[in-house]
Protein backbone atom coordinates (compact mmCIF):
# COMPACT_ATOMS: atom_id res chain seq x y z
CA MET A 1 -5.39 11.46 -7.53
CA VAL A 2 -2.67 11.60 -10.19
CA ARG A 3 -2.51 11.91 -13.95
CA ARG A 4 -1.79 8.97 -16.19
CA THR A 5 1.11 10.60 -18.01
CA PRO A 6 1.77 9.99 -21.70
CA VAL A 7 4.50 7.98 -23.38
CA LEU A 8 5.87 10.10 -26.24
CA PRO A 9 8.59 9.63 -28.89
CA LEU A 10 11.98 11.28 -28.42
CA ASP A 11 12.45 12.89 -31.83
CA GLY A 12 15.56 11.87 -33.73
CA THR A 13 15.90 8.63 -31.75
CA PRO A 14 14.03 5.31 -31.54
CA MET A 15 13.48 5.84 -27.80
CA LEU A 16 10.32 6.78 -25.90
CA LEU A 17 9.71 9.15 -22.99
CA LYS A 18 7.49 8.55 -19.95
CA CYS A 19 6.61 12.19 -19.30
CA GLU A 20 6.21 12.55 -15.53
CA SER A 21 7.14 16.17 -16.18
CA LEU A 22 3.46 16.51 -17.14
CA GLN A 23 2.31 15.15 -13.78
CA THR A 24 0.41 17.48 -11.42
CA THR A 25 3.00 19.55 -9.45
CA GLY A 26 5.48 18.91 -12.27
CA SER A 27 7.05 15.65 -11.14
CA PHE A 28 6.48 11.97 -10.36
CA LYS A 29 6.55 12.71 -6.62
CA LEU A 30 2.77 13.16 -6.32
CA ARG A 31 2.31 9.40 -6.77
CA GLY A 32 4.21 8.49 -3.61
CA ALA A 33 2.85 11.41 -1.59
CA CYS A 34 -0.78 10.57 -2.37
CA ASN A 35 -0.28 6.88 -1.69
CA ALA A 36 1.42 7.51 1.66
CA ILE A 37 -1.02 10.12 2.96
CA THR A 38 -4.07 8.11 1.86
CA ALA A 39 -2.80 4.97 3.60
CA LEU A 40 -1.42 6.63 6.74
CA GLN A 41 -4.53 8.80 7.28
CA PRO A 42 -2.80 11.27 9.61
CA SER A 43 -5.16 13.04 12.00
CA ARG A 44 -3.44 16.41 12.21
CA GLY A 45 -0.81 16.94 9.58
CA VAL A 46 2.34 15.85 7.83
CA VAL A 47 5.99 16.85 7.60
CA CYS A 48 8.51 15.99 4.92
CA ALA A 49 12.08 16.72 3.86
CA SER A 50 12.60 17.80 0.28
CA SER A 51 14.69 19.68 -2.25
CA GLY A 52 11.38 20.84 -3.71
CA ASN A 53 9.48 18.31 -5.81
CA HIS A 54 8.54 15.99 -2.95
CA GLY A 55 7.63 19.05 -0.89
CA GLN A 56 5.21 20.27 -3.54
CA ALA A 57 3.66 16.83 -3.84
CA VAL A 58 3.17 16.39 -0.09
CA ALA A 59 1.87 19.95 0.24
CA LEU A 60 -0.78 19.35 -2.44
CA ALA A 61 -1.80 15.94 -1.08
CA ALA A 62 -2.05 17.43 2.43
CA ARG A 63 -4.10 20.39 1.22
CA ARG A 64 -6.53 18.06 -0.54
CA ALA A 65 -6.89 16.13 2.73
CA GLY A 66 -7.29 19.29 4.83
CA LEU A 67 -4.04 18.70 6.73
CA LEU A 68 -1.27 20.91 8.06
CA CYS A 69 1.98 20.52 6.10
CA ILE A 70 5.56 21.39 7.04
CA VAL A 71 8.36 21.02 4.49
CA VAL A 72 11.99 20.98 5.61
CA MET A 73 14.35 22.34 2.95
CA THR A 74 18.08 23.13 2.95
CA ALA A 75 19.37 26.61 2.22
CA ASP A 76 20.60 25.56 -1.24
CA ALA A 77 17.08 24.61 -2.41
CA THR A 78 16.15 26.76 -5.40
CA ALA A 79 14.04 29.86 -4.86
CA PHE A 80 11.73 28.63 -7.62
CA LYS A 81 10.93 25.40 -5.79
CA ARG A 82 10.64 27.14 -2.42
CA ALA A 83 8.05 29.50 -3.87
CA ALA A 84 6.09 26.61 -5.39
CA VAL A 85 6.01 24.76 -2.03
CA ALA A 86 4.87 27.90 -0.20
CA ALA A 87 2.19 28.59 -2.83
CA LEU A 88 0.58 25.25 -1.94
CA GLY A 89 0.15 26.35 1.66
CA ALA A 90 3.04 24.52 3.31
CA ARG A 91 5.21 26.03 6.04
CA ILE A 92 8.89 25.85 5.13
CA VAL A 93 11.53 25.17 7.80
CA GLU A 94 15.19 25.59 6.83
CA SER A 95 17.72 22.92 7.75
CA PRO A 96 21.52 22.64 7.71
CA PRO A 97 23.13 21.39 4.47
CA GLY A 98 22.94 17.75 3.44
CA THR A 99 20.21 15.17 3.13
CA ARG A 100 21.06 13.46 6.42
CA ALA A 101 20.64 16.67 8.47
CA ARG A 102 17.51 17.64 6.54
CA ASN A 103 15.83 14.28 7.05
CA ARG A 104 16.73 14.16 10.75
CA LEU A 105 15.23 17.61 11.33
CA ALA A 106 12.00 16.56 9.60
CA GLU A 107 11.79 13.44 11.77
CA SER A 108 12.33 15.48 14.95
CA ILE A 109 9.61 17.97 13.97
CA ALA A 110 7.21 15.10 13.31
CA GLU A 111 7.87 13.65 16.75
CA ALA A 112 7.70 17.00 18.58
CA GLU A 113 4.49 18.19 16.89
CA GLY A 114 2.66 14.89 16.52
CA LEU A 115 2.75 14.88 12.72
CA ALA A 116 3.12 12.01 10.27
CA TYR A 117 6.52 11.95 8.58
CA VAL A 118 6.40 11.29 4.82
CA PRO A 119 9.97 10.51 3.69
CA PRO A 120 11.07 11.58 0.20
CA TYR A 121 11.97 8.03 -0.83
CA ASP A 122 12.73 5.62 2.03
CA HIS A 123 9.24 4.36 2.85
CA PRO A 124 7.30 1.36 1.41
CA LEU A 125 4.20 3.45 0.67
CA VAL A 126 6.23 6.11 -1.13
CA MET A 127 8.19 3.50 -3.08
CA ALA A 128 4.97 1.69 -4.07
CA GLY A 129 3.29 4.93 -5.14
CA GLN A 130 6.19 5.81 -7.44
CA GLY A 131 6.01 2.28 -8.85
CA THR A 132 2.62 2.99 -10.41
CA LEU A 133 4.37 4.80 -13.25
CA GLY A 134 6.14 1.50 -13.99
CA LEU A 135 2.78 -0.24 -14.28
CA GLU A 136 1.68 2.40 -16.77
CA ILE A 137 4.83 1.88 -18.85
CA VAL A 138 4.23 -1.87 -19.01
CA ASP A 139 0.60 -1.32 -20.03
CA ASP A 140 1.39 1.31 -22.66
CA VAL A 141 4.53 -0.05 -24.37
CA ALA A 142 4.06 -3.36 -26.15
CA ASP A 143 7.70 -4.06 -27.11
CA LEU A 144 9.36 -2.94 -23.89
CA ARG A 145 13.04 -3.86 -23.69
CA CYS A 146 14.60 -1.33 -21.35
CA VAL A 147 13.46 1.21 -18.76
CA VAL A 148 15.86 4.01 -17.77
CA VAL A 149 15.12 5.83 -14.52
CA PRO A 150 16.69 8.81 -12.71
CA VAL A 151 18.15 7.94 -9.31
CA GLY A 152 18.21 10.13 -6.20
CA GLY A 153 17.40 8.30 -3.01
CA GLY A 154 16.04 5.33 -4.95
CA GLY A 155 12.31 5.60 -4.29
CA MET A 156 11.28 5.79 -7.93
CA ILE A 157 13.65 3.18 -9.34
CA SER A 158 12.89 0.69 -6.55
CA GLY A 159 9.14 1.10 -7.14
CA VAL A 160 9.43 0.98 -10.92
CA ALA A 161 11.75 -2.05 -10.82
CA THR A 162 9.35 -3.90 -8.50
CA ALA A 163 6.41 -3.15 -10.79
CA VAL A 164 8.19 -4.03 -14.04
CA ARG A 165 9.76 -7.23 -12.66
CA GLY A 166 6.39 -8.24 -11.22
CA ARG A 167 4.77 -7.98 -14.63
CA LEU A 168 7.57 -9.00 -17.02
CA GLY A 169 10.23 -10.72 -14.93
CA GLY A 170 13.76 -10.51 -16.29
CA ALA A 171 12.71 -9.79 -19.88
CA VAL A 172 13.30 -6.04 -19.46
CA ARG A 173 16.60 -4.32 -18.68
CA ILE A 174 16.34 -1.70 -15.92
CA VAL A 175 18.99 1.03 -15.71
CA GLY A 176 19.35 3.82 -13.17
CA VAL A 177 21.13 7.11 -13.84
CA GLU A 178 22.51 9.56 -11.28
CA PRO A 179 24.77 12.64 -11.52
CA HIS A 180 28.53 12.11 -11.55
CA TYR A 181 28.96 14.34 -8.50
CA GLY A 182 26.12 12.58 -6.71
CA ASP A 183 27.07 8.98 -7.46
CA ASP A 184 26.30 7.49 -4.05
CA THR A 185 24.37 4.58 -5.55
CA VAL A 186 27.09 3.74 -8.07
CA ARG A 187 29.64 3.70 -5.27
CA SER A 188 27.37 1.75 -2.93
CA ARG A 189 26.73 -0.94 -5.54
CA ALA A 190 30.47 -1.28 -6.13
CA ALA A 191 31.08 -1.58 -2.38
CA GLY A 192 28.20 -3.97 -1.83
CA GLN A 193 26.81 -1.74 0.92
CA ARG A 194 25.50 1.79 1.41
CA VAL A 195 28.25 4.43 1.41
CA GLU A 196 27.95 8.13 2.15
CA ILE A 197 29.44 10.87 -0.02
CA PRO A 198 29.93 14.62 0.60
CA VAL A 199 27.06 16.98 -0.26
CA PRO A 200 26.89 16.70 -4.08
CA ARG A 201 27.61 19.72 -6.28
CA THR A 202 25.53 19.25 -9.41
CA ILE A 203 22.85 21.08 -11.36
CA ALA A 204 20.64 18.01 -10.76
CA ASP A 205 19.31 19.44 -7.49
CA GLY A 206 16.69 16.69 -7.14
CA ALA A 207 19.45 14.06 -6.93
CA ARG A 208 21.81 15.66 -4.41
CA VAL A 209 21.56 12.63 -2.16
CA GLN A 210 24.47 11.55 0.06
CA THR A 211 23.56 7.89 0.55
CA PRO A 212 20.92 5.52 -0.87
CA GLY A 213 17.86 4.74 1.22
CA ALA A 214 18.08 1.91 3.73
CA LEU A 215 14.92 0.38 2.25
CA THR A 216 15.48 1.32 -1.38
CA PHE A 217 19.07 0.13 -1.74
CA PRO A 218 18.42 -3.61 -1.24
CA VAL A 219 15.64 -3.44 -3.84
CA VAL A 220 17.94 -1.67 -6.29
CA GLN A 221 20.66 -4.25 -5.66
CA GLN A 222 18.29 -7.13 -6.30
CA LEU A 223 16.19 -5.86 -9.21
CA VAL A 224 18.16 -3.21 -11.14
CA ASP A 225 20.60 -4.32 -13.85
CA ASP A 226 22.90 -1.31 -13.76
CA VAL A 227 23.29 2.19 -12.34
CA ILE A 228 25.51 4.66 -14.19
CA ALA A 229 26.56 8.29 -13.69
CA VAL A 230 26.53 11.22 -16.12
CA ASP A 231 28.13 14.64 -15.76
CA ASP A 232 26.40 18.02 -15.80
CA ALA A 233 27.43 18.71 -19.41
CA GLN A 234 25.63 15.53 -20.49
CA LEU A 235 22.56 16.67 -18.56
CA VAL A 236 22.51 19.96 -20.46
CA THR A 237 22.84 18.08 -23.76
CA ALA A 238 19.91 15.87 -22.75
CA MET A 239 17.84 18.93 -21.84
CA ARG A 240 18.50 20.30 -25.34
CA VAL A 241 17.52 16.98 -26.96
CA LEU A 242 14.31 16.99 -24.92
CA ALA A 243 13.62 20.62 -25.86
CA LEU A 244 13.80 19.71 -29.54
CA SER A 245 10.99 17.23 -28.85
CA GLY A 246 8.99 19.92 -27.09
CA VAL A 247 9.65 18.52 -23.61
CA TYR A 248 10.50 20.98 -20.83
CA ALA A 249 12.61 19.21 -18.21
CA GLU A 250 14.72 20.22 -15.23
CA PRO A 251 18.28 18.81 -15.04
CA THR A 252 17.27 15.95 -12.73
CA GLY A 253 14.41 15.15 -15.08
CA ALA A 254 16.90 14.74 -17.95
CA LEU A 255 19.06 12.15 -16.16
CA ALA A 256 17.52 9.12 -17.85
CA VAL A 257 17.84 10.57 -21.34
CA ALA A 258 21.45 11.53 -20.67
CA GLY A 259 22.19 8.00 -19.54
CA ALA A 260 20.39 6.40 -22.48
CA LEU A 261 22.33 8.59 -24.91
CA GLN A 262 25.59 7.63 -23.19
CA LEU A 263 24.75 3.92 -23.50
CA GLY A 264 23.47 4.25 -27.07
CA LEU A 265 20.15 2.57 -26.27
CA GLY A 266 17.63 2.03 -29.03
CA GLU A 267 14.18 0.65 -29.80
CA GLY A 268 12.05 -0.54 -26.93
CA THR A 269 13.73 1.87 -24.50
CA VAL A 270 11.60 4.10 -22.28
CA CYS A 271 13.28 6.98 -20.43
CA VAL A 272 11.46 8.45 -17.43
CA VAL A 273 11.45 12.26 -17.56
CA SER A 274 10.93 12.76 -13.86
CA GLY A 275 10.21 16.49 -13.55
CA ARG A 276 10.06 19.98 -15.01
CA ASN A 277 10.48 22.24 -11.97
CA ILE A 278 13.14 24.74 -12.96
CA GLU A 279 12.89 28.52 -13.22
CA PRO A 280 12.23 29.35 -16.90
CA ARG A 281 15.12 31.79 -17.24
CA GLU A 282 17.54 29.22 -15.79
CA TRP A 283 16.19 26.57 -18.18
CA ALA A 284 16.66 28.96 -21.10
CA ARG A 285 20.20 29.81 -19.98
CA LEU A 286 21.18 26.14 -19.83
CA VAL A 287 19.48 25.10 -23.06
CA ALA A 288 20.80 28.13 -24.97
């Protein structure tokens, strides 16, 4: 159902890249969407809330299964991602700003129309599906010392941390990276409980989350060594570093590399490049 994505060197550094940007639909999200829809086996259709990447993944998985798909997106979702979701046959419903309002609207549509709700991160099947990329990293990297993962709602890092800890225990350091103006997980970890922040203003549109997931946060607290934040300028620098290695990444997809560069990580480090879905002219503007 999904591609086994390659692990490639990051030129000019001793670090490696897990290139989920080469996944079908352009991001890691297809793993969780396929796992959830296969296990849930909805009879009529599915609905999800998304800034774009999860929406594309659910739309493709639903189309393969012959199901109706509705994707709830906020008005600030990029036109590029909206078009990609629509091209996969999904019906887009616009919601008020913020992840809380968006997710609530998706849940209400699911209840009203008898559809299965596939959350973007806060669901065991979604979390487990994303964790399969962690299994691939463990299988493909012999001297694994550190895995660096972008953090939005926490679905990917909770799945990856579960997979890596299950195979290698505490031998590997696991680090999450989120945008400075979307640092809900950093703040929540400091507070020892989930906190909510205002709607984030960052170019990392896939990580504009206001509070960590209710299911993902305890896993992150238990299994992840550290979560740090990077600013938008660091994201652009990371995009340029990735471009020099021939890797096309959206700002959210560059979070892990930005964090690894900030920490000065070295050999045995694998950075997850989580996605590539950015309009080419906007990518060129940022990288140039």
